[in-house]
Amino acid sequence: MAINYRIVRCDNPQGEKEVKYYRPRAVKIDDYSEENLMEDINDSTSVSDVDVIAVLAAISKQLRKAILSGRTVVLKDIGRLSVGMSTRCFPEEVKNAEGFTPSSYIEDVHINFRPCAKIIRELRELKNLRCVSK
């Protein structure tokens, strides 16, 4: 198992137009679907396909419910998922004004993923890299 990368052109850090710079960039090979996960769990345990599918469906439902209720989901050895917001600031007089609606200062709602230290350490120690294009 290797992490693939390719070489891509990037802007010259000194702003010189005549000098070309390049850097490695990770390349996504494909998706790891719920079906792939189910097959791998089934192959590595004695749990039936039907039971694995039921458990994955329940996990998906509960994780979704937790995130939509604003809870942080902690997955051991993987990381944390939490709700985040992009917002605009407002002065104090606006905050105290009649009819103030704080939600009008929310520009976007998204999900943050913070990987755990262990998986980051393993990625940084990973020596199995493969260049797929130069």
N, C-alpha and C. Protein backbone atom coordinates (compact mmCIF):
# COMPACT_ATOMS: atom_id res chain seq x y z
N MET A 1 0.85 -1.17 0.00
CA MET A 1 0.00 0.00 0.00
C MET A 1 0.90 1.24 0.00
N ALA A 2 0.67 2.13 -0.97
CA ALA A 2 1.50 3.32 -1.08
C ALA A 2 0.61 4.55 -1.25
N ILE A 3 1.12 5.68 -0.84
CA ILE A 3 0.47 6.95 -1.12
C ILE A 3 1.10 7.48 -2.40
N ASN A 4 0.26 7.72 -3.39
CA ASN A 4 0.74 8.19 -4.68
C ASN A 4 0.83 9.71 -4.70
N TYR A 5 1.78 10.20 -5.48
CA TYR A 5 1.90 11.64 -5.66
C TYR A 5 2.35 11.92 -7.09
N ARG A 6 2.18 13.15 -7.49
CA ARG A 6 2.65 13.59 -8.79
C ARG A 6 3.36 14.92 -8.61
N ILE A 7 4.10 15.33 -9.62
CA ILE A 7 4.83 16.59 -9.57
C ILE A 7 3.99 17.64 -10.29
N VAL A 8 3.74 18.77 -9.61
CA VAL A 8 2.95 19.86 -10.19
C VAL A 8 3.73 21.16 -10.13
N ARG A 9 3.42 22.03 -11.05
CA ARG A 9 4.08 23.34 -11.07
C ARG A 9 3.46 24.22 -9.99
N CYS A 10 4.28 25.06 -9.39
CA CYS A 10 3.78 26.00 -8.39
C CYS A 10 4.39 27.38 -8.65
N ASP A 11 3.81 28.38 -8.02
CA ASP A 11 4.32 29.74 -8.18
C ASP A 11 5.73 29.84 -7.60
N ASN A 12 6.53 30.65 -8.24
CA ASN A 12 7.87 30.90 -7.76
C ASN A 12 7.78 31.69 -6.45
N PRO A 13 8.36 31.18 -5.38
CA PRO A 13 8.25 31.87 -4.08
C PRO A 13 8.88 33.26 -4.07
N GLN A 14 9.84 33.52 -4.97
CA GLN A 14 10.47 34.84 -5.04
C GLN A 14 9.78 35.73 -6.07
N GLY A 15 8.77 35.21 -6.75
CA GLY A 15 8.03 36.01 -7.71
C GLY A 15 8.71 36.17 -9.06
N GLU A 16 9.80 35.46 -9.27
CA GLU A 16 10.51 35.55 -10.55
C GLU A 16 9.76 34.75 -11.60
N LYS A 17 9.41 35.38 -12.69
CA LYS A 17 8.60 34.74 -13.73
C LYS A 17 9.39 33.72 -14.55
N GLU A 18 10.68 33.95 -14.76
CA GLU A 18 11.45 33.09 -15.65
C GLU A 18 11.90 31.78 -15.00
N VAL A 19 11.84 31.68 -13.67
CA VAL A 19 12.26 30.46 -12.99
C VAL A 19 11.02 29.63 -12.64
N LYS A 20 11.03 28.36 -13.05
CA LYS A 20 9.89 27.47 -12.78
C LYS A 20 10.17 26.64 -11.54
N TYR A 21 9.15 26.48 -10.69
CA TYR A 21 9.25 25.67 -9.50
C TYR A 21 8.19 24.58 -9.55
N TYR A 22 8.50 23.45 -8.91
CA TYR A 22 7.60 22.31 -8.88
C TYR A 22 7.55 21.75 -7.46
N ARG A 23 6.51 20.98 -7.18
CA ARG A 23 6.41 20.33 -5.88
C ARG A 23 5.60 19.04 -6.01
N PRO A 24 5.82 18.11 -5.08
CA PRO A 24 4.98 16.90 -5.07
C PRO A 24 3.59 17.24 -4.52
N ARG A 25 2.57 16.55 -5.03
CA ARG A 25 1.21 16.70 -4.52
C ARG A 25 0.56 15.33 -4.47
N ALA A 26 -0.10 15.03 -3.37
CA ALA A 26 -0.77 13.73 -3.22
C ALA A 26 -1.84 13.57 -4.29
N VAL A 27 -1.98 12.34 -4.78
CA VAL A 27 -2.95 12.02 -5.81
C VAL A 27 -3.96 11.03 -5.24
N LYS A 28 -5.23 11.38 -5.35
CA LYS A 28 -6.29 10.48 -4.92
C LYS A 28 -6.45 9.39 -5.96
N ILE A 29 -6.42 8.16 -5.54
CA ILE A 29 -6.55 7.03 -6.45
C ILE A 29 -8.02 6.69 -6.68
N ASP A 30 -8.74 6.47 -5.60
CA ASP A 30 -10.17 6.19 -5.70
C ASP A 30 -10.81 6.36 -4.32
N ASP A 31 -12.10 6.16 -4.26
CA ASP A 31 -12.82 6.27 -3.00
C ASP A 31 -12.84 4.91 -2.30
N TYR A 32 -12.91 4.97 -0.99
CA TYR A 32 -13.10 3.77 -0.18
C TYR A 32 -14.54 3.82 0.28
N SER A 33 -15.40 3.09 -0.41
CA SER A 33 -16.83 3.19 -0.19
C SER A 33 -17.29 2.39 1.03
N GLU A 34 -18.53 2.63 1.39
CA GLU A 34 -19.14 1.86 2.47
C GLU A 34 -19.17 0.38 2.12
N GLU A 35 -19.36 0.09 0.84
CA GLU A 35 -19.35 -1.31 0.40
C GLU A 35 -17.96 -1.93 0.56
N ASN A 36 -16.90 -1.17 0.22
CA ASN A 36 -15.53 -1.65 0.43
C ASN A 36 -15.29 -1.92 1.91
N LEU A 37 -15.73 -1.00 2.75
CA LEU A 37 -15.57 -1.15 4.19
C LEU A 37 -16.30 -2.40 4.69
N MET A 38 -17.53 -2.58 4.22
CA MET A 38 -18.31 -3.76 4.62
C MET A 38 -17.60 -5.04 4.21
N GLU A 39 -17.09 -5.10 2.99
CA GLU A 39 -16.39 -6.30 2.52
C GLU A 39 -15.13 -6.57 3.34
N ASP A 40 -14.37 -5.52 3.64
CA ASP A 40 -13.14 -5.69 4.43
C ASP A 40 -13.44 -6.13 5.85
N ILE A 41 -14.48 -5.58 6.46
CA ILE A 41 -14.87 -6.01 7.81
C ILE A 41 -15.33 -7.46 7.77
N ASN A 42 -16.12 -7.78 6.78
CA ASN A 42 -16.62 -9.15 6.64
C ASN A 42 -15.48 -10.13 6.45
N ASP A 43 -14.49 -9.78 5.65
CA ASP A 43 -13.34 -10.66 5.41
C ASP A 43 -12.45 -10.85 6.63
N SER A 44 -12.41 -9.84 7.51
CA SER A 44 -11.50 -9.90 8.66
C SER A 44 -12.19 -10.33 9.95
N THR A 45 -13.49 -10.59 9.90
CA THR A 45 -14.21 -11.03 11.10
C THR A 45 -15.15 -12.17 10.72
N SER A 46 -15.85 -12.67 11.71
CA SER A 46 -16.83 -13.72 11.45
C SER A 46 -18.24 -13.15 11.37
N VAL A 47 -18.36 -11.82 11.27
CA VAL A 47 -19.66 -11.17 11.22
C VAL A 47 -20.23 -11.28 9.81
N SER A 48 -21.53 -11.55 9.72
CA SER A 48 -22.16 -11.72 8.40
C SER A 48 -22.30 -10.38 7.69
N ASP A 49 -22.47 -10.46 6.35
CA ASP A 49 -22.68 -9.25 5.54
C ASP A 49 -23.85 -8.42 6.05
N VAL A 50 -24.95 -9.09 6.34
CA VAL A 50 -26.16 -8.41 6.79
C VAL A 50 -25.91 -7.67 8.11
N ASP A 51 -25.22 -8.31 9.03
CA ASP A 51 -24.92 -7.66 10.31
C ASP A 51 -23.97 -6.48 10.15
N VAL A 52 -22.98 -6.62 9.29
CA VAL A 52 -22.04 -5.52 9.04
C VAL A 52 -22.79 -4.34 8.44
N ILE A 53 -23.63 -4.59 7.46
CA ILE A 53 -24.42 -3.53 6.82
C ILE A 53 -25.30 -2.83 7.86
N ALA A 54 -25.94 -3.61 8.73
CA ALA A 54 -26.80 -3.02 9.76
C ALA A 54 -26.00 -2.14 10.72
N VAL A 55 -24.84 -2.61 11.14
CA VAL A 55 -24.01 -1.83 12.06
C VAL A 55 -23.50 -0.56 11.38
N LEU A 56 -23.04 -0.65 10.14
CA LEU A 56 -22.56 0.54 9.42
C LEU A 56 -23.69 1.55 9.22
N ALA A 57 -24.89 1.07 8.93
CA ALA A 57 -26.04 1.97 8.77
C ALA A 57 -26.34 2.67 10.09
N ALA A 58 -26.28 1.93 11.19
CA ALA A 58 -26.54 2.53 12.51
C ALA A 58 -25.46 3.54 12.88
N ILE A 59 -24.19 3.21 12.59
CA ILE A 59 -23.10 4.14 12.88
C ILE A 59 -23.28 5.43 12.08
N SER A 60 -23.59 5.29 10.81
CA SER A 60 -23.79 6.44 9.94
C SER A 60 -24.92 7.33 10.47
N LYS A 61 -26.01 6.70 10.84
CA LYS A 61 -27.17 7.44 11.37
C LYS A 61 -26.81 8.18 12.66
N GLN A 62 -26.11 7.53 13.57
CA GLN A 62 -25.77 8.13 14.86
C GLN A 62 -24.72 9.23 14.71
N LEU A 63 -23.73 9.04 13.83
CA LEU A 63 -22.74 10.09 13.59
C LEU A 63 -23.39 11.33 13.00
N ARG A 64 -24.28 11.12 12.04
CA ARG A 64 -25.02 12.23 11.43
C ARG A 64 -25.84 12.98 12.47
N LYS A 65 -26.54 12.23 13.31
CA LYS A 65 -27.37 12.83 14.37
C LYS A 65 -26.50 13.65 15.34
N ALA A 66 -25.35 13.11 15.70
CA ALA A 66 -24.46 13.81 16.64
C ALA A 66 -23.92 15.11 16.02
N ILE A 67 -23.49 15.04 14.77
CA ILE A 67 -22.95 16.23 14.10
C ILE A 67 -24.03 17.29 13.93
N LEU A 68 -25.22 16.89 13.51
CA LEU A 68 -26.31 17.84 13.31
C LEU A 68 -26.80 18.46 14.62
N SER A 69 -26.49 17.83 15.75
CA SER A 69 -26.87 18.41 17.04
C SER A 69 -25.73 19.22 17.65
N GLY A 70 -24.63 19.37 16.90
CA GLY A 70 -23.52 20.20 17.36
C GLY A 70 -22.50 19.50 18.23
N ARG A 71 -22.61 18.21 18.38
CA ARG A 71 -21.65 17.47 19.20
C ARG A 71 -20.38 17.18 18.41
N THR A 72 -19.28 17.05 19.11
CA THR A 72 -18.03 16.64 18.49
C THR A 72 -17.97 15.12 18.49
N VAL A 73 -17.71 14.54 17.32
CA VAL A 73 -17.60 13.09 17.19
C VAL A 73 -16.12 12.74 17.28
N VAL A 74 -15.78 11.90 18.24
CA VAL A 74 -14.40 11.48 18.46
C VAL A 74 -14.27 10.02 18.02
N LEU A 75 -13.42 9.79 17.01
CA LEU A 75 -13.16 8.44 16.52
C LEU A 75 -11.74 8.07 16.89
N LYS A 76 -11.61 7.15 17.82
CA LYS A 76 -10.30 6.75 18.33
C LYS A 76 -9.36 6.37 17.18
N ASP A 77 -8.14 6.85 17.26
CA ASP A 77 -7.09 6.58 16.28
C ASP A 77 -7.38 7.15 14.89
N ILE A 78 -8.42 7.97 14.75
CA ILE A 78 -8.72 8.62 13.48
C ILE A 78 -8.74 10.13 13.66
N GLY A 79 -9.66 10.63 14.48
CA GLY A 79 -9.73 12.07 14.70
C GLY A 79 -11.08 12.52 15.19
N ARG A 80 -11.31 13.81 15.10
CA ARG A 80 -12.53 14.44 15.61
C ARG A 80 -13.25 15.17 14.49
N LEU A 81 -14.57 15.05 14.46
CA LEU A 81 -15.42 15.78 13.54
C LEU A 81 -16.27 16.74 14.35
N SER A 82 -16.32 18.00 13.93
CA SER A 82 -17.14 18.97 14.63
C SER A 82 -17.67 20.01 13.66
N VAL A 83 -18.73 20.68 14.07
CA VAL A 83 -19.32 21.74 13.26
C VAL A 83 -18.48 23.00 13.41
N GLY A 84 -18.28 23.69 12.31
CA GLY A 84 -17.58 24.97 12.32
C GLY A 84 -18.39 26.00 11.56
N MET A 85 -18.05 27.27 11.73
CA MET A 85 -18.76 28.35 11.05
C MET A 85 -17.79 29.38 10.53
N SER A 86 -18.12 29.95 9.39
CA SER A 86 -17.45 31.15 8.90
C SER A 86 -18.39 32.30 9.21
N THR A 87 -17.91 33.29 9.92
CA THR A 87 -18.78 34.37 10.39
C THR A 87 -18.15 35.74 10.12
N ARG A 88 -18.99 36.77 10.21
CA ARG A 88 -18.55 38.15 10.14
C ARG A 88 -18.68 38.76 11.54
N CYS A 89 -17.81 39.70 11.84
CA CYS A 89 -17.87 40.40 13.12
C CYS A 89 -18.89 41.54 13.06
N PHE A 90 -19.36 41.95 14.23
CA PHE A 90 -20.28 43.07 14.32
C PHE A 90 -19.95 43.87 15.57
N PRO A 91 -20.22 45.19 15.54
CA PRO A 91 -19.91 46.02 16.71
C PRO A 91 -20.89 45.79 17.85
N GLU A 92 -20.48 46.16 19.02
CA GLU A 92 -21.29 45.95 20.22
C GLU A 92 -22.66 46.59 20.12
N GLU A 93 -22.75 47.80 19.51
CA GLU A 93 -24.06 48.47 19.43
C GLU A 93 -25.05 47.67 18.59
N VAL A 94 -24.54 46.91 17.61
CA VAL A 94 -25.43 46.06 16.82
C VAL A 94 -25.93 44.91 17.68
N LYS A 95 -25.03 44.37 18.49
CA LYS A 95 -25.39 43.24 19.37
C LYS A 95 -26.51 43.62 20.32
N ASN A 96 -26.51 44.85 20.79
CA ASN A 96 -27.50 45.29 21.77
C ASN A 96 -28.74 45.92 21.13
N ALA A 97 -28.77 46.01 19.81
CA ALA A 97 -29.90 46.64 19.12
C ALA A 97 -31.12 45.73 19.11
N GLU A 98 -32.29 46.37 19.11
CA GLU A 98 -33.53 45.61 19.05
C GLU A 98 -33.65 44.92 17.70
N GLY A 99 -34.09 43.71 17.68
CA GLY A 99 -34.26 42.96 16.44
C GLY A 99 -32.97 42.35 15.91
N PHE A 100 -31.92 42.36 16.70
CA PHE A 100 -30.64 41.79 16.28
C PHE A 100 -30.78 40.29 16.03
N THR A 101 -30.27 39.83 14.90
CA THR A 101 -30.30 38.40 14.57
C THR A 101 -28.86 37.94 14.30
N PRO A 102 -28.26 37.28 15.29
CA PRO A 102 -26.88 36.83 15.13
C PRO A 102 -26.67 35.92 13.93
N SER A 103 -27.68 35.13 13.58
CA SER A 103 -27.52 34.19 12.46
C SER A 103 -27.26 34.91 11.14
N SER A 104 -27.62 36.19 11.03
CA SER A 104 -27.36 36.91 9.78
C SER A 104 -25.87 37.17 9.59
N TYR A 105 -25.06 36.95 10.63
CA TYR A 105 -23.61 37.12 10.53
C TYR A 105 -22.89 35.79 10.29
N ILE A 106 -23.64 34.73 10.13
CA ILE A 106 -23.06 33.42 9.80
C ILE A 106 -23.06 33.28 8.29
N GLU A 107 -21.88 33.15 7.71
CA GLU A 107 -21.76 33.06 6.25
C GLU A 107 -21.78 31.62 5.75
N ASP A 108 -21.28 30.71 6.55
CA ASP A 108 -21.19 29.32 6.10
C ASP A 108 -21.10 28.41 7.32
N VAL A 109 -21.66 27.23 7.19
CA VAL A 109 -21.53 26.19 8.21
C VAL A 109 -20.86 25.00 7.52
N HIS A 110 -19.88 24.42 8.18
CA HIS A 110 -19.13 23.32 7.58
C HIS A 110 -18.71 22.32 8.67
N ILE A 111 -18.06 21.27 8.25
CA ILE A 111 -17.57 20.26 9.21
C ILE A 111 -16.05 20.34 9.25
N ASN A 112 -15.51 20.44 10.46
CA ASN A 112 -14.06 20.42 10.67
C ASN A 112 -13.64 18.99 10.97
N PHE A 113 -12.51 18.59 10.42
CA PHE A 113 -11.91 17.31 10.78
C PHE A 113 -10.52 17.58 11.33
N ARG A 114 -10.27 17.11 12.54
CA ARG A 114 -8.95 17.24 13.15
C ARG A 114 -8.42 15.83 13.39
N PRO A 115 -7.45 15.42 12.58
CA PRO A 115 -6.91 14.07 12.74
C PRO A 115 -6.20 13.93 14.08
N CYS A 116 -6.19 12.71 14.61
CA CYS A 116 -5.51 12.47 15.88
C CYS A 116 -3.99 12.48 15.65
N ALA A 117 -3.26 12.72 16.71
CA ALA A 117 -1.80 12.82 16.63
C ALA A 117 -1.19 11.52 16.11
N LYS A 118 -1.76 10.38 16.48
CA LYS A 118 -1.21 9.09 16.07
C LYS A 118 -1.24 8.91 14.55
N ILE A 119 -2.35 9.26 13.91
CA ILE A 119 -2.44 9.06 12.47
C ILE A 119 -1.55 10.06 11.73
N ILE A 120 -1.41 11.27 12.26
CA ILE A 120 -0.49 12.25 11.67
C ILE A 120 0.94 11.75 11.77
N ARG A 121 1.30 11.22 12.93
CA ARG A 121 2.65 10.68 13.13
C ARG A 121 2.90 9.54 12.15
N GLU A 122 1.94 8.64 11.98
CA GLU A 122 2.11 7.52 11.06
C GLU A 122 2.25 8.00 9.62
N LEU A 123 1.49 9.01 9.23
CA LEU A 123 1.62 9.56 7.87
C LEU A 123 2.99 10.17 7.65
N ARG A 124 3.49 10.89 8.65
CA ARG A 124 4.80 11.53 8.52
C ARG A 124 5.93 10.52 8.51
N GLU A 125 5.73 9.38 9.15
CA GLU A 125 6.76 8.34 9.17
C GLU A 125 6.67 7.44 7.95
N LEU A 126 5.58 7.56 7.20
CA LEU A 126 5.35 6.70 6.05
C LEU A 126 6.44 6.87 5.01
N LYS A 127 7.04 5.78 4.64
CA LYS A 127 8.11 5.81 3.65
C LYS A 127 7.65 5.21 2.32
N ASN A 128 6.44 4.69 2.28
CA ASN A 128 5.94 4.03 1.09
C ASN A 128 5.20 5.01 0.20
N LEU A 129 5.96 5.80 -0.57
CA LEU A 129 5.42 6.79 -1.48
C LEU A 129 5.78 6.39 -2.90
N ARG A 130 4.90 6.72 -3.86
CA ARG A 130 5.15 6.35 -5.25
C ARG A 130 4.79 7.52 -6.16
N CYS A 131 5.74 7.95 -6.99
CA CYS A 131 5.51 9.02 -7.95
C CYS A 131 4.79 8.43 -9.15
N VAL A 132 3.61 8.99 -9.49
CA VAL A 132 2.84 8.46 -10.62
C VAL A 132 2.99 9.31 -11.88
N SER A 133 3.54 10.53 -11.76
CA SER A 133 3.84 11.35 -12.94
C SER A 133 4.82 12.44 -12.58
N LYS A 134 5.64 12.83 -13.53
CA LYS A 134 6.64 13.88 -13.29
C LYS A 134 6.35 15.09 -14.14
